[in-house]
């Protein structure tokens, strides 16, 4: 029978339909399976560096799920939207096939973007291998147990030329934490260059922090300034926090302290909050400006310290949320308090406000990125936060400097007021003692003689009785003005008490000192003081004595005795005259 007549046989169309449906069922059965086994690959023949994205895939699963079980389950393409997973206890799997289509082998390094991942298990199989190999990387072992001397968990492998490597990575924490799915894939030499660049950047950061800490400690010790000590404590807490977050603490400072590397984060976060609040209380003087805010800050500190105790007692998840909450609260209350103090007139608080505003904005950004899945930035906000913290501590040092300058100005003003006569603005007898010591030092260098002129107003009680004490005050101010106008900047004008004044001056000889005294006496006598339409006539008497000269050097008590003796002689011989002290008291 000819094949051409097959379709014409009775029932032939029935056989054709059966064959059609059979082939269709086979295609539906086999083709999906074939599509599932053939996954897209990432070409690494020209690899420099990249973040893992689709064709890389991921899935979320329980920590207990085995590798063999995961191989049979569905994965989703890894996109930017999937990077931030928030705070979770789940495990995350990534898979990708790395294809090397080049003619030379490619050595590559895969590392997670953060340094605080607890576990990173890698399963890999090259084209010539039948079974997967595995490597467990963990933060829960001493640092020197890592295969790569790098601050983050990292896996290095070589894919042969014209070959490929299948890769599965399991990522999880022992306790709930913030999860990012950002993985860096770099060619080995690029990885080394990147690590060296990181050393330079972070070395500069820690160098600045150490320098500021040293300056703060020196200020605290030399000036016995507790605020500077609180600033140093804040710098120490900040530095420790970043040593943990950057991974350099585990790499260089505490490589064998597995507990602190894994359990110290929230403890240090809370300590940072305690130091920030204490520094703010001291620097802003909240007990003076806002006592209730001061009490609130103390209560927040108590909560932080309680959280630290609870963390050591084994509490984890509540303290994790508490530490994040306290950092968020810190970013609100400190800028608000510093701004309020600034508004009260404390000008040094402006730099403090700027510093905490910058830090607070970057802190909120980092906390939002770590806690929620709304953002797709990975942990990049941590870098922004670290730069913000560097700017913050710099501005805090500016605020500290301005605050210390303000304290110094206040000290000088208080000292000036303590050494100043409030009515005339001249120095008082306390200043005379201080300035006499300065004159002695200058005399030792230049040997220029020093003289003391004592002045007393004649019949001053009569002026007060006739014109009133307000008129007497006007006359005293006039004497002060005369003394200043007839003396040089390095001379010292003193209101010694009542109507008695003193002028301590350098002069080449006794005649020059006498000339100064006489000019003051004559001008005072020749220019009556106007007061309420009246002219007040007045005179004064002066006594002069050498204080420091060739062969002579007296203390304050002796020079005052000698000048008073000369002045008394002038009073006794008719007033309105100047007398030079002589042993025989001869005019």
Protein backbone atom coordinates (compact mmCIF):
# COMPACT_ATOMS: atom_id res chain seq x y z
CA UNK A 1 0.00 0.00 0.00
CA UNK A 2 1.38 3.37 -0.98
CA UNK A 3 2.17 5.81 1.85
CA UNK A 4 0.23 8.46 -0.02
CA UNK A 5 -2.95 6.59 0.56
CA UNK A 6 -2.39 6.35 4.35
CA UNK A 7 -4.51 9.39 5.08
CA UNK A 8 -7.32 7.98 3.11
CA UNK A 9 -7.63 4.81 5.16
CA UNK A 10 -10.63 4.55 7.40
CA UNK A 11 -9.87 6.08 10.81
CA UNK A 12 -6.57 7.64 9.67
CA UNK A 13 -7.59 11.06 10.93
CA UNK A 14 -8.15 9.59 14.39
CA UNK A 15 -4.55 8.32 14.53
CA UNK A 16 -3.22 11.71 13.42
CA UNK A 17 -5.11 13.50 16.16
CA UNK A 18 -3.81 11.09 18.79
CA UNK A 19 -0.25 11.62 17.59
CA UNK A 20 -0.72 15.41 17.72
CA UNK A 21 -1.98 15.37 21.31
CA UNK A 22 0.77 12.97 22.36
CA UNK A 23 3.49 15.27 21.01
CA UNK A 24 1.84 18.30 22.60
CA UNK A 25 1.77 16.67 26.05
CA UNK A 26 5.42 15.68 25.68
CA UNK A 27 6.38 19.26 24.85
CA UNK A 28 4.50 20.58 27.86
CA UNK A 29 6.22 18.05 30.09
CA UNK A 30 9.82 18.34 28.83
CA UNK A 31 10.25 21.97 27.76
CA UNK A 32 9.61 23.60 31.18
CA UNK A 33 12.11 21.28 32.80
CA UNK A 34 14.67 22.19 30.14
CA UNK A 35 14.02 25.90 30.66
CA UNK A 36 14.49 25.57 34.43
CA UNK A 37 17.85 23.83 34.08
CA UNK A 38 19.21 26.43 31.71
CA UNK A 39 19.76 29.57 33.77
CA UNK A 40 21.33 32.83 32.56
CA UNK A 41 25.01 33.31 33.41
CA UNK A 42 27.15 36.28 34.36
CA UNK A 43 30.17 36.70 32.07
CA UNK A 44 33.33 37.42 34.09
CA UNK A 45 35.89 37.22 31.28
CA UNK A 46 36.39 41.01 31.45
CA UNK A 47 35.49 41.39 35.13
CA UNK A 48 36.72 44.42 37.03
CA UNK A 49 34.14 44.93 39.76
CA UNK A 50 30.38 44.79 39.98
CA UNK A 51 27.50 44.43 42.39
CA UNK A 52 25.64 41.16 42.01
CA UNK A 53 22.33 41.70 40.27
CA UNK A 54 20.24 39.69 37.80
CA UNK A 55 21.08 37.22 36.28
CA UNK A 56 21.96 36.53 39.92
CA UNK A 57 18.91 35.21 41.80
CA UNK A 58 17.83 35.05 45.43
CA UNK A 59 15.28 33.50 47.74
CA UNK A 60 14.30 33.89 51.39
CA UNK A 61 14.06 30.73 53.47
CA UNK A 62 14.45 29.41 56.98
CA UNK A 63 17.88 29.04 58.49
CA UNK A 64 17.35 25.26 58.78
CA UNK A 65 16.78 24.75 55.03
CA UNK A 66 19.54 22.58 53.58
CA UNK A 67 21.49 23.18 50.39
CA UNK A 68 20.00 20.12 48.68
CA UNK A 69 16.49 21.36 49.47
CA UNK A 70 17.20 24.85 48.17
CA UNK A 71 18.40 23.50 44.81
CA UNK A 72 14.89 22.27 44.04
CA UNK A 73 13.15 25.54 44.92
CA UNK A 74 12.35 28.63 42.93
CA UNK A 75 14.56 31.73 42.99
CA UNK A 76 13.76 35.29 41.93
CA UNK A 77 15.98 37.65 39.93
CA UNK A 78 17.95 39.93 42.24
CA UNK A 79 17.13 43.59 41.52
CA UNK A 80 17.77 46.89 43.27
CA UNK A 81 14.35 46.68 44.88
CA UNK A 82 15.36 43.52 46.73
CA UNK A 83 18.57 44.77 48.35
CA UNK A 84 17.29 46.00 51.71
CA UNK A 85 15.42 43.32 53.62
CA UNK A 86 15.10 45.12 56.97
CA UNK A 87 15.52 43.41 60.34
CA UNK A 88 14.79 39.69 60.03
CA UNK A 89 15.73 36.23 61.32
CA UNK A 90 15.40 34.58 57.89
CA UNK A 91 18.23 33.15 55.83
CA UNK A 92 18.86 34.39 52.29
CA UNK A 93 20.23 32.39 49.39
CA UNK A 94 21.86 33.79 46.27
CA UNK A 95 22.77 31.80 43.22
CA UNK A 96 24.53 32.69 40.02
CA UNK A 97 26.61 30.97 37.35
CA UNK A 98 29.83 32.80 36.57
CA UNK A 99 30.97 32.12 33.00
CA UNK A 100 34.50 32.77 31.81
CA UNK A 101 34.41 32.94 28.02
CA UNK A 102 37.97 34.22 27.81
CA UNK A 103 41.20 32.35 27.09
CA UNK A 104 42.75 32.99 30.52
CA UNK A 105 41.59 31.95 34.00
CA UNK A 106 39.93 34.63 36.14
CA UNK A 107 40.51 34.84 39.89
CA UNK A 108 37.69 36.68 41.60
CA UNK A 109 36.64 37.65 45.13
CA UNK A 110 33.08 37.83 46.42
CA UNK A 111 32.37 39.74 49.64
CA UNK A 112 29.32 41.11 51.40
CA UNK A 113 29.13 44.88 51.81
CA UNK A 114 28.94 44.82 55.62
CA UNK A 115 31.37 43.56 58.22
CA UNK A 116 28.83 42.25 60.72
CA UNK A 117 27.38 39.22 58.88
CA UNK A 118 27.35 36.22 61.24
CA UNK A 119 27.47 33.44 58.65
CA UNK A 120 28.21 33.23 54.95
CA UNK A 121 28.23 29.68 53.55
CA UNK A 122 29.46 29.29 49.99
CA UNK A 123 28.66 26.30 47.73
CA UNK A 124 30.51 26.18 44.40
CA UNK A 125 31.07 23.80 41.50
CA UNK A 126 33.24 24.26 38.42
CA UNK A 127 32.37 22.85 35.02
CA UNK A 128 34.70 19.86 35.39
CA UNK A 129 33.37 18.99 38.88
CA UNK A 130 30.50 16.65 39.56
CA UNK A 131 29.80 17.68 43.13
CA UNK A 132 29.53 20.99 44.91
CA UNK A 133 32.22 22.02 47.36
CA UNK A 134 31.42 24.21 50.37
CA UNK A 135 33.16 26.74 52.56
CA UNK A 136 31.75 28.15 55.81
CA UNK A 137 32.74 31.73 56.66
CA UNK A 138 31.73 33.13 60.01
CA UNK A 139 32.11 36.05 62.40
CA UNK A 140 31.75 33.56 65.24
CA UNK A 141 35.37 32.41 65.06
CA UNK A 142 38.61 34.36 65.70
CA UNK A 143 39.64 36.64 62.86
CA UNK A 144 42.78 34.69 61.95
CA UNK A 145 40.61 31.67 61.02
CA UNK A 146 39.37 33.50 57.93
CA UNK A 147 40.80 32.34 54.58
CA UNK A 148 41.26 35.97 53.48
CA UNK A 149 42.82 38.65 55.72
CA UNK A 150 39.99 41.08 55.07
CA UNK A 151 37.69 43.00 57.37
CA UNK A 152 34.57 41.54 55.72
CA UNK A 153 33.68 37.92 55.04
CA UNK A 154 35.08 37.20 51.57
CA UNK A 155 35.41 34.18 49.24
CA UNK A 156 38.11 33.85 46.57
CA UNK A 157 38.03 31.41 43.64
CA UNK A 158 39.44 30.92 40.17
CA UNK A 159 37.29 30.07 37.14
CA UNK A 160 39.25 28.42 34.36
CA UNK A 161 39.31 29.68 30.78
CA UNK A 162 36.28 28.72 28.70
CA UNK A 163 34.61 27.37 31.79
CA UNK A 164 32.07 28.35 34.41
CA UNK A 165 31.44 28.18 38.16
CA UNK A 166 28.05 27.56 39.71
CA UNK A 167 27.72 29.50 42.95
CA UNK A 168 25.26 29.39 45.85
CA UNK A 169 25.65 31.68 48.90
CA UNK A 170 23.70 31.35 52.14
CA UNK A 171 23.56 34.45 54.32
CA UNK A 172 22.14 34.53 57.87
CA UNK A 173 22.48 35.79 61.44
CA UNK A 174 22.25 33.87 64.69
CA UNK A 175 19.82 36.54 65.88
CA UNK A 176 17.60 38.99 64.06
CA UNK A 177 19.50 41.81 62.39
CA UNK A 178 19.42 44.18 59.43
CA UNK A 179 19.99 42.29 56.17
CA UNK A 180 21.36 43.68 52.92
CA UNK A 181 21.80 41.55 49.79
CA UNK A 182 24.56 43.68 48.31
CA UNK A 183 27.54 41.53 47.29
CA UNK A 184 30.65 42.90 45.61
CA UNK A 185 32.27 40.77 42.92
CA UNK A 186 35.77 41.90 41.97
CA UNK A 187 38.69 40.59 39.99
CA UNK A 188 41.44 39.68 42.50
CA UNK A 189 43.87 42.50 41.66
CA UNK A 190 41.04 45.04 41.75
CA UNK A 191 40.01 43.64 45.13
CA UNK A 192 43.54 44.22 46.47
CA UNK A 193 43.59 47.78 45.14
CA UNK A 194 40.19 48.43 46.70
CA UNK A 195 41.36 47.08 50.07
CA UNK A 196 44.42 49.38 49.94
CA UNK A 197 42.22 52.39 49.13
CA UNK A 198 39.99 51.49 52.08
CA UNK A 199 43.04 51.39 54.37
CA UNK A 200 43.99 54.91 53.30
CA UNK A 201 40.49 56.32 53.78
CA UNK A 202 39.74 54.66 57.10
CA UNK A 203 43.29 55.24 58.33
CA UNK A 204 42.73 58.96 57.76
CA UNK A 205 39.39 58.80 59.55
CA UNK A 206 40.79 57.06 62.63
CA UNK A 207 43.84 59.33 62.58
CA UNK A 208 41.59 62.39 62.81
CA UNK A 209 39.54 60.81 65.59
CA UNK A 210 42.66 59.88 67.57
CA UNK A 211 44.09 63.39 67.15
CA UNK A 212 40.88 65.04 68.36
CA UNK A 213 40.70 62.59 71.25
CA UNK A 214 44.27 63.45 72.28
CA UNK A 215 43.58 67.20 72.09
CA UNK A 216 40.44 66.79 74.17
CA UNK A 217 42.30 64.78 76.82
CA UNK A 218 45.10 67.37 77.01
CA UNK A 219 42.53 70.16 77.43
CA UNK A 220 40.70 68.15 80.08
CA UNK A 221 43.91 67.51 82.05
CA UNK A 222 45.47 70.97 81.74
CA UNK A 223 42.31 72.97 82.34
CA UNK A 224 40.60 70.37 84.53
CA UNK A 225 37.63 70.76 82.24
CA UNK A 226 35.02 68.03 82.61
CA UNK A 227 33.26 69.07 79.40
CA UNK A 228 36.41 68.33 77.41
CA UNK A 229 36.59 64.97 79.18
CA UNK A 230 33.00 64.23 78.11
CA UNK A 231 33.94 65.17 74.54
CA UNK A 232 36.86 62.74 74.67
CA UNK A 233 34.50 60.01 75.94
CA UNK A 234 32.11 60.73 73.04
CA UNK A 235 34.99 60.49 70.57
CA UNK A 236 36.06 57.16 72.09
CA UNK A 237 32.53 55.76 71.84
CA UNK A 238 32.23 57.02 68.25
CA UNK A 239 35.57 55.49 67.28
CA UNK A 240 34.70 52.14 68.88
CA UNK A 241 31.33 52.13 67.12
CA UNK A 242 32.98 52.58 63.72
CA UNK A 243 35.72 50.07 64.46
CA UNK A 244 32.88 47.56 64.92
CA UNK A 245 30.91 48.65 61.86
CA UNK A 246 33.94 48.89 59.58
CA UNK A 247 35.39 45.56 60.72
CA UNK A 248 38.79 47.04 61.54
CA UNK A 249 38.29 46.44 65.23
CA UNK A 250 38.02 42.69 64.67
CA UNK A 251 40.87 42.73 62.17
CA UNK A 252 43.38 44.72 64.22
CA UNK A 253 42.19 45.61 67.75
CA UNK A 254 40.28 42.61 69.19
CA UNK A 255 40.84 39.75 66.69
CA UNK A 256 40.25 37.07 69.32
CA UNK A 257 37.23 38.67 71.01
CA UNK A 258 34.41 36.93 69.18
CA UNK A 259 31.92 38.00 71.83
CA UNK A 260 32.62 41.71 71.54
CA UNK A 261 32.65 41.61 67.75
CA UNK A 262 29.21 40.01 67.65
CA UNK A 263 27.53 41.19 70.82
CA UNK A 264 29.17 44.58 71.27
CA UNK A 265 27.26 46.54 68.63
CA UNK A 266 24.20 47.39 70.64
CA UNK A 267 26.23 47.87 73.83
CA UNK A 268 28.43 50.42 72.06
CA UNK A 269 25.41 52.09 70.43
CA UNK A 270 23.89 52.61 73.89
CA UNK A 271 27.20 53.81 75.34
CA UNK A 272 27.44 56.29 72.48
CA UNK A 273 23.98 57.58 73.39
CA UNK A 274 25.00 57.89 77.07
CA UNK A 275 28.14 59.86 76.16
CA UNK A 276 26.28 62.08 73.68
CA UNK A 277 23.64 62.95 76.27
CA UNK A 278 26.23 63.58 79.00
CA UNK A 279 28.36 65.78 76.76
CA UNK A 280 25.26 67.74 75.79
CA UNK A 281 24.22 68.22 79.42
CA UNK A 282 27.65 69.55 80.31
CA UNK A 283 28.39 71.63 77.21
CA UNK A 284 24.94 73.21 76.93
CA UNK A 285 24.60 73.75 80.70
CA UNK A 286 21.11 72.31 80.57
CA UNK A 287 20.80 72.33 84.35
CA UNK A 288 20.95 76.13 84.11
CA UNK A 289 19.00 76.82 80.91
CA UNK A 290 16.46 73.97 80.89
CA UNK A 291 16.39 71.93 84.12
CA UNK A 292 13.52 69.72 82.89
CA UNK A 293 15.41 68.84 79.71
CA UNK A 294 18.44 68.06 81.88
CA UNK A 295 16.26 65.65 83.87
CA UNK A 296 14.93 64.09 80.65
CA UNK A 297 18.48 63.50 79.38
CA UNK A 298 19.40 61.85 82.68
CA UNK A 299 16.36 59.56 82.41
CA UNK A 300 17.34 58.58 78.86
CA UNK A 301 20.84 57.79 80.09
CA UNK A 302 19.39 55.56 82.80
CA UNK A 303 17.37 53.67 80.17
CA UNK A 304 20.51 53.17 78.07
CA UNK A 305 22.50 51.87 81.03
CA UNK A 306 19.67 49.49 81.92
CA UNK A 307 19.70 48.25 78.32
CA UNK A 308 23.42 47.54 78.55
CA UNK A 309 22.90 45.50 81.71
CA UNK A 310 20.06 43.58 80.05
CA UNK A 311 22.22 42.89 76.99
CA UNK A 312 24.92 41.37 79.18
CA UNK A 313 22.17 39.32 80.83
CA UNK A 314 21.35 37.74 77.46
CA UNK A 315 18.51 39.86 76.08
CA UNK A 316 18.95 40.45 72.37
CA UNK A 317 15.96 41.45 70.24
CA UNK A 318 14.53 44.00 72.75
CA UNK A 319 17.96 45.60 73.14
CA UNK A 320 18.45 45.69 69.37
CA UNK A 321 15.27 47.71 69.00
CA UNK A 322 16.13 49.78 72.09
CA UNK A 323 19.55 50.73 70.70
CA UNK A 324 18.06 51.81 67.37
CA UNK A 325 15.31 53.72 69.18
CA UNK A 326 17.77 55.53 71.45
CA UNK A 327 19.90 56.58 68.48
CA UNK A 328 16.76 57.91 66.79
CA UNK A 329 15.76 59.78 69.96
CA UNK A 330 19.28 61.15 70.26
CA UNK A 331 18.98 62.54 66.73
CA UNK A 332 15.87 64.46 67.82
CA UNK A 333 16.44 65.72 71.35
CA UNK A 334 20.05 66.92 71.15
CA UNK A 335 19.61 69.22 68.11
CA UNK A 336 16.38 70.57 69.61
CA UNK A 337 18.00 71.25 72.99
CA UNK A 338 21.10 72.87 71.50
CA UNK A 339 18.96 75.09 69.26
CA UNK A 340 16.91 76.19 72.28
CA UNK A 341 20.08 77.03 74.24
CA UNK A 342 21.40 78.96 71.25
CA UNK A 343 18.17 80.94 71.19
CA UNK A 344 18.73 81.77 74.85
CA UNK A 345 21.91 83.65 73.90
CA UNK A 346 24.64 81.00 74.30
CA UNK A 347 26.42 81.72 71.02
CA UNK A 348 28.83 78.79 71.24
CA UNK A 349 25.79 76.48 71.00
CA UNK A 350 25.33 77.38 67.33
CA UNK A 351 28.21 75.16 66.21
CA UNK A 352 26.89 72.43 68.48
CA UNK A 353 23.51 72.73 66.77
CA UNK A 354 25.04 72.55 63.30
CA UNK A 355 27.12 69.51 64.27
CA UNK A 356 24.20 67.49 65.62
CA UNK A 357 21.85 68.51 62.80
CA UNK A 358 24.30 67.13 60.23
CA UNK A 359 24.85 63.96 62.21
CA UNK A 360 21.14 63.51 62.90
CA UNK A 361 20.16 63.73 59.23
CA UNK A 362 22.73 61.11 58.22
CA UNK A 363 21.81 58.95 61.22
CA UNK A 364 18.12 58.95 60.30
CA UNK A 365 19.06 58.00 56.76
CA UNK A 366 21.18 55.07 57.96
CA UNK A 367 18.58 53.88 60.48
CA UNK A 368 15.82 54.00 57.87
CA UNK A 369 17.92 52.07 55.39
CA UNK A 370 18.85 49.42 57.96
CA UNK A 371 15.39 48.99 59.46
CA UNK A 372 13.02 49.08 56.49
CA UNK A 373 12.72 47.67 52.97
CA UNK A 374 11.63 50.98 51.45
CA UNK A 375 15.13 51.88 50.26
CA UNK A 376 17.39 50.12 47.77
CA UNK A 377 20.66 51.71 48.83
CA UNK A 378 22.07 48.76 50.72
CA UNK A 379 24.41 49.97 53.45
CA UNK A 380 25.70 52.98 51.51
CA UNK A 381 24.04 55.32 54.05
CA UNK A 382 26.54 53.95 56.58
CA UNK A 383 29.34 55.55 54.57
CA UNK A 384 27.38 58.81 54.46
CA UNK A 385 26.83 58.52 58.23
CA UNK A 386 30.54 57.99 58.84
CA UNK A 387 31.41 61.07 56.80
CA UNK A 388 28.69 62.92 58.70
CA UNK A 389 30.21 61.82 62.02
CA UNK A 390 33.61 63.12 60.90
CA UNK A 391 32.11 66.50 60.08
CA UNK A 392 30.18 66.41 63.34
CA UNK A 393 33.21 65.86 65.59
CA UNK A 394 35.06 68.61 63.72
CA UNK A 395 32.24 71.08 64.34
CA UNK A 396 32.00 69.91 67.95
CA UNK A 397 35.68 70.79 68.35
CA UNK A 398 34.91 74.24 66.93
CA UNK A 399 32.07 74.52 69.44
CA UNK A 400 34.42 73.37 72.22
CA UNK A 401 37.02 75.95 71.22
CA UNK A 402 34.46 78.73 71.11
CA UNK A 403 33.09 77.61 74.45
CA UNK A 404 36.57 77.59 76.01
CA UNK A 405 37.28 81.03 74.56
CA UNK A 406 34.04 82.23 76.10
CA UNK A 407 35.09 80.79 79.46
CA UNK A 408 38.46 82.50 79.16
CA UNK A 409 36.79 85.80 78.35
CA UNK A 410 34.47 85.35 81.30
CA UNK A 411 37.45 84.58 83.51
CA UNK A 412 39.27 87.67 82.34
CA UNK A 413 36.22 89.83 82.84
CA UNK A 414 35.73 88.42 86.32
CA UNK A 415 39.40 89.00 87.09
CA UNK A 416 39.21 92.54 85.72
CA UNK A 417 36.14 93.26 87.82
CA UNK A 418 37.86 91.83 90.88
CA UNK A 419 40.86 94.12 90.24
CA UNK A 420 38.84 97.16 89.20
CA UNK A 421 37.27 100.04 91.06
CA UNK A 422 33.62 100.08 89.92
CA UNK A 423 33.22 103.90 90.20
CA UNK A 424 36.30 105.18 88.35
CA UNK A 425 37.23 102.15 86.26
CA UNK A 426 40.79 102.33 87.62
CA UNK A 427 42.51 99.38 89.22
CA UNK A 428 42.19 98.69 92.92
CA UNK A 429 44.78 97.90 95.56
CA UNK A 430 44.69 94.19 94.59
CA UNK A 431 45.79 95.11 91.07
CA UNK A 432 48.59 97.25 92.50
CA UNK A 433 50.14 94.14 94.06
CA UNK A 434 49.86 92.15 90.82
CA UNK A 435 51.25 94.92 88.63
CA UNK A 436 54.11 95.64 91.01
CA UNK A 437 55.38 92.10 90.35
CA UNK A 438 55.25 92.78 86.61
CA UNK A 439 57.23 96.00 87.10
CA UNK A 440 59.86 94.03 89.02
CA UNK A 441 60.25 91.59 86.12
CA UNK A 442 60.61 94.43 83.63
CA UNK A 443 63.11 96.18 85.84
CA UNK A 444 65.28 93.07 85.93
CA UNK A 445 65.45 93.21 82.13
CA UNK A 446 65.69 96.96 81.43
CA UNK A 447 66.84 98.51 84.73
CA UNK A 448 64.53 101.48 84.17
CA UNK A 449 63.62 103.10 87.52
CA UNK A 450 60.10 102.81 88.89
CA UNK A 451 58.32 105.42 91.03
CA UNK A 452 55.10 105.49 93.04
CA UNK A 453 52.98 108.65 93.22
CA UNK A 454 50.37 108.70 95.98
CA UNK A 455 47.59 111.28 95.56
CA UNK A 456 45.00 112.48 98.06
CA UNK A 457 42.28 115.08 97.44
CA UNK A 458 42.42 118.09 99.74
CA UNK A 459 39.34 118.75 101.90
CA UNK A 460 37.31 116.18 99.99
CA UNK A 461 34.92 115.72 102.93
CA UNK A 462 33.94 119.37 102.55
CA UNK A 463 33.09 118.75 98.89
CA UNK A 464 30.76 115.90 99.87
CA UNK A 465 29.21 117.94 102.65
CA UNK A 466 28.62 121.02 100.51
CA UNK A 467 27.65 119.50 97.15
CA UNK A 468 26.59 115.98 98.05
CA UNK A 469 28.12 112.52 97.46
CA UNK A 470 27.04 112.45 93.83
CA UNK A 471 29.10 115.55 93.23
CA UNK A 472 31.98 113.89 95.06
CA UNK A 473 31.73 110.91 92.71
CA UNK A 474 31.96 113.26 89.72
CA UNK A 475 35.15 114.77 91.16
CA UNK A 476 36.64 111.31 91.73
CA UNK A 477 35.91 110.37 88.13
CA UNK A 478 37.67 113.53 87.00
CA UNK A 479 40.80 112.53 88.93
CA UNK A 480 40.68 109.12 87.25
CA UNK A 481 40.43 110.78 83.83
CA UNK A 482 43.41 113.03 84.64
CA UNK A 483 45.52 110.06 85.73
CA UNK A 484 44.79 108.17 82.54
CA UNK A 485 45.47 111.18 80.33
CA UNK A 486 48.88 111.86 81.95
CA UNK A 487 50.10 108.27 82.03
CA UNK A 488 51.22 105.72 79.48
CA UNK A 489 49.65 102.34 78.70
CA UNK A 490 52.30 100.51 80.70
CA UNK A 491 51.75 102.74 83.76
CA UNK A 492 49.25 101.61 86.41
CA UNK A 493 46.55 103.92 87.72
CA UNK A 494 44.93 102.89 91.02
CA UNK A 495 42.13 104.14 93.22
CA UNK A 496 43.60 103.04 96.49
CA UNK A 497 40.54 103.84 98.57
CA UNK A 498 38.16 106.73 99.27
CA UNK A 499 39.75 109.88 97.79
CA UNK A 500 43.23 108.34 97.67
CA UNK A 501 44.86 107.36 94.33
CA UNK A 502 48.18 105.89 93.23
CA UNK A 503 50.20 105.99 90.01
CA UNK A 504 52.94 103.41 89.46
CA UNK A 505 55.16 104.43 86.55
CA UNK A 506 58.55 104.04 84.91
CA UNK A 507 60.65 107.20 84.56
CA UNK A 508 64.26 107.87 83.65
CA UNK A 509 64.81 109.82 86.84
CA UNK A 510 63.12 111.41 89.80
CA UNK A 511 62.67 114.76 88.02
CA UNK A 512 60.60 113.12 85.26
CA UNK A 513 58.30 111.48 87.84
CA UNK A 514 57.97 114.81 89.62
CA UNK A 515 57.00 116.52 86.34
CA UNK A 516 54.18 114.01 85.76
CA UNK A 517 52.85 114.53 89.28
CA UNK A 518 52.97 118.30 88.96
CA UNK A 519 51.09 118.33 85.64
CA UNK A 520 48.28 116.33 87.26
CA UNK A 521 48.22 118.57 90.33
CA UNK A 522 48.19 121.87 88.39
CA UNK A 523 45.50 120.77 85.92
CA UNK A 524 43.25 119.50 88.70
CA UNK A 525 43.60 122.76 90.64
CA UNK A 526 43.09 125.00 87.58
CA UNK A 527 39.99 123.26 86.18
CA UNK A 528 37.04 123.24 88.61
CA UNK A 529 34.49 120.51 88.10
CA UNK A 530 31.09 121.62 86.79
CA UNK A 531 28.14 120.12 88.63
CA UNK A 532 24.49 121.11 88.27
CA UNK A 533 25.33 124.66 87.24
CA UNK A 534 28.04 125.11 89.86
CA UNK A 535 31.84 124.93 89.69
CA UNK A 536 33.52 122.86 92.38
CA UNK A 537 36.97 124.16 93.29
CA UNK A 538 39.46 121.52 94.41
CA UNK A 539 43.12 120.69 94.90
CA UNK A 540 45.20 117.59 95.64
CA UNK A 541 48.46 116.67 97.30
CA UNK A 542 51.01 114.06 96.13
CA UNK A 543 53.87 112.11 97.60
CA UNK A 544 56.56 110.45 95.43
CA UNK A 545 58.99 107.69 96.31
CA UNK A 546 61.45 105.64 94.24
CA UNK A 547 60.43 102.01 94.23
CA UNK A 548 62.91 100.25 91.98
CA UNK A 549 66.16 102.03 91.20
CA UNK A 550 69.89 101.62 91.40
CA UNK A 551 70.62 100.17 94.80
CA UNK A 552 66.97 100.31 95.94
CA UNK A 553 64.16 97.76 95.82
CA UNK A 554 61.15 97.81 98.10
CA UNK A 555 58.15 95.58 98.60
CA UNK A 556 54.58 96.87 98.31
CA UNK A 557 54.22 97.51 102.03
CA UNK A 558 57.43 99.50 102.25
CA UNK A 559 56.82 101.57 99.13
CA UNK A 560 53.32 102.47 100.36
CA UNK A 561 54.76 103.53 103.73
CA UNK A 562 57.32 105.79 102.08
CA UNK A 563 54.82 107.34 99.65
CA UNK A 564 52.30 107.93 102.47
CA UNK A 565 55.02 109.61 104.53
CA UNK A 566 55.81 112.04 101.69
CA UNK A 567 52.08 112.65 101.11
CA UNK A 568 51.53 113.33 104.83
CA UNK A 569 54.34 115.85 104.77
CA UNK A 570 52.65 117.64 101.87
CA UNK A 571 49.35 117.72 103.74
CA UNK A 572 51.09 119.02 106.87
CA UNK A 573 52.83 121.83 105.01
CA UNK A 574 49.80 123.42 103.39
CA UNK A 575 48.35 120.95 100.84
CA UNK A 576 48.16 121.39 97.03
CA UNK A 577 51.77 120.35 96.56
CA UNK A 578 54.01 117.41 95.65
CA UNK A 579 56.61 116.08 98.08
CA UNK A 580 59.43 113.62 97.25
CA UNK A 581 60.23 111.14 99.97
CA UNK A 582 63.55 111.59 101.72
CA UNK A 583 64.85 109.85 104.79
CA UNK A 584 64.74 113.16 106.66
CA UNK A 585 61.32 113.98 105.06
CA UNK A 586 62.61 117.27 103.76
CA UNK A 587 60.57 118.93 100.95
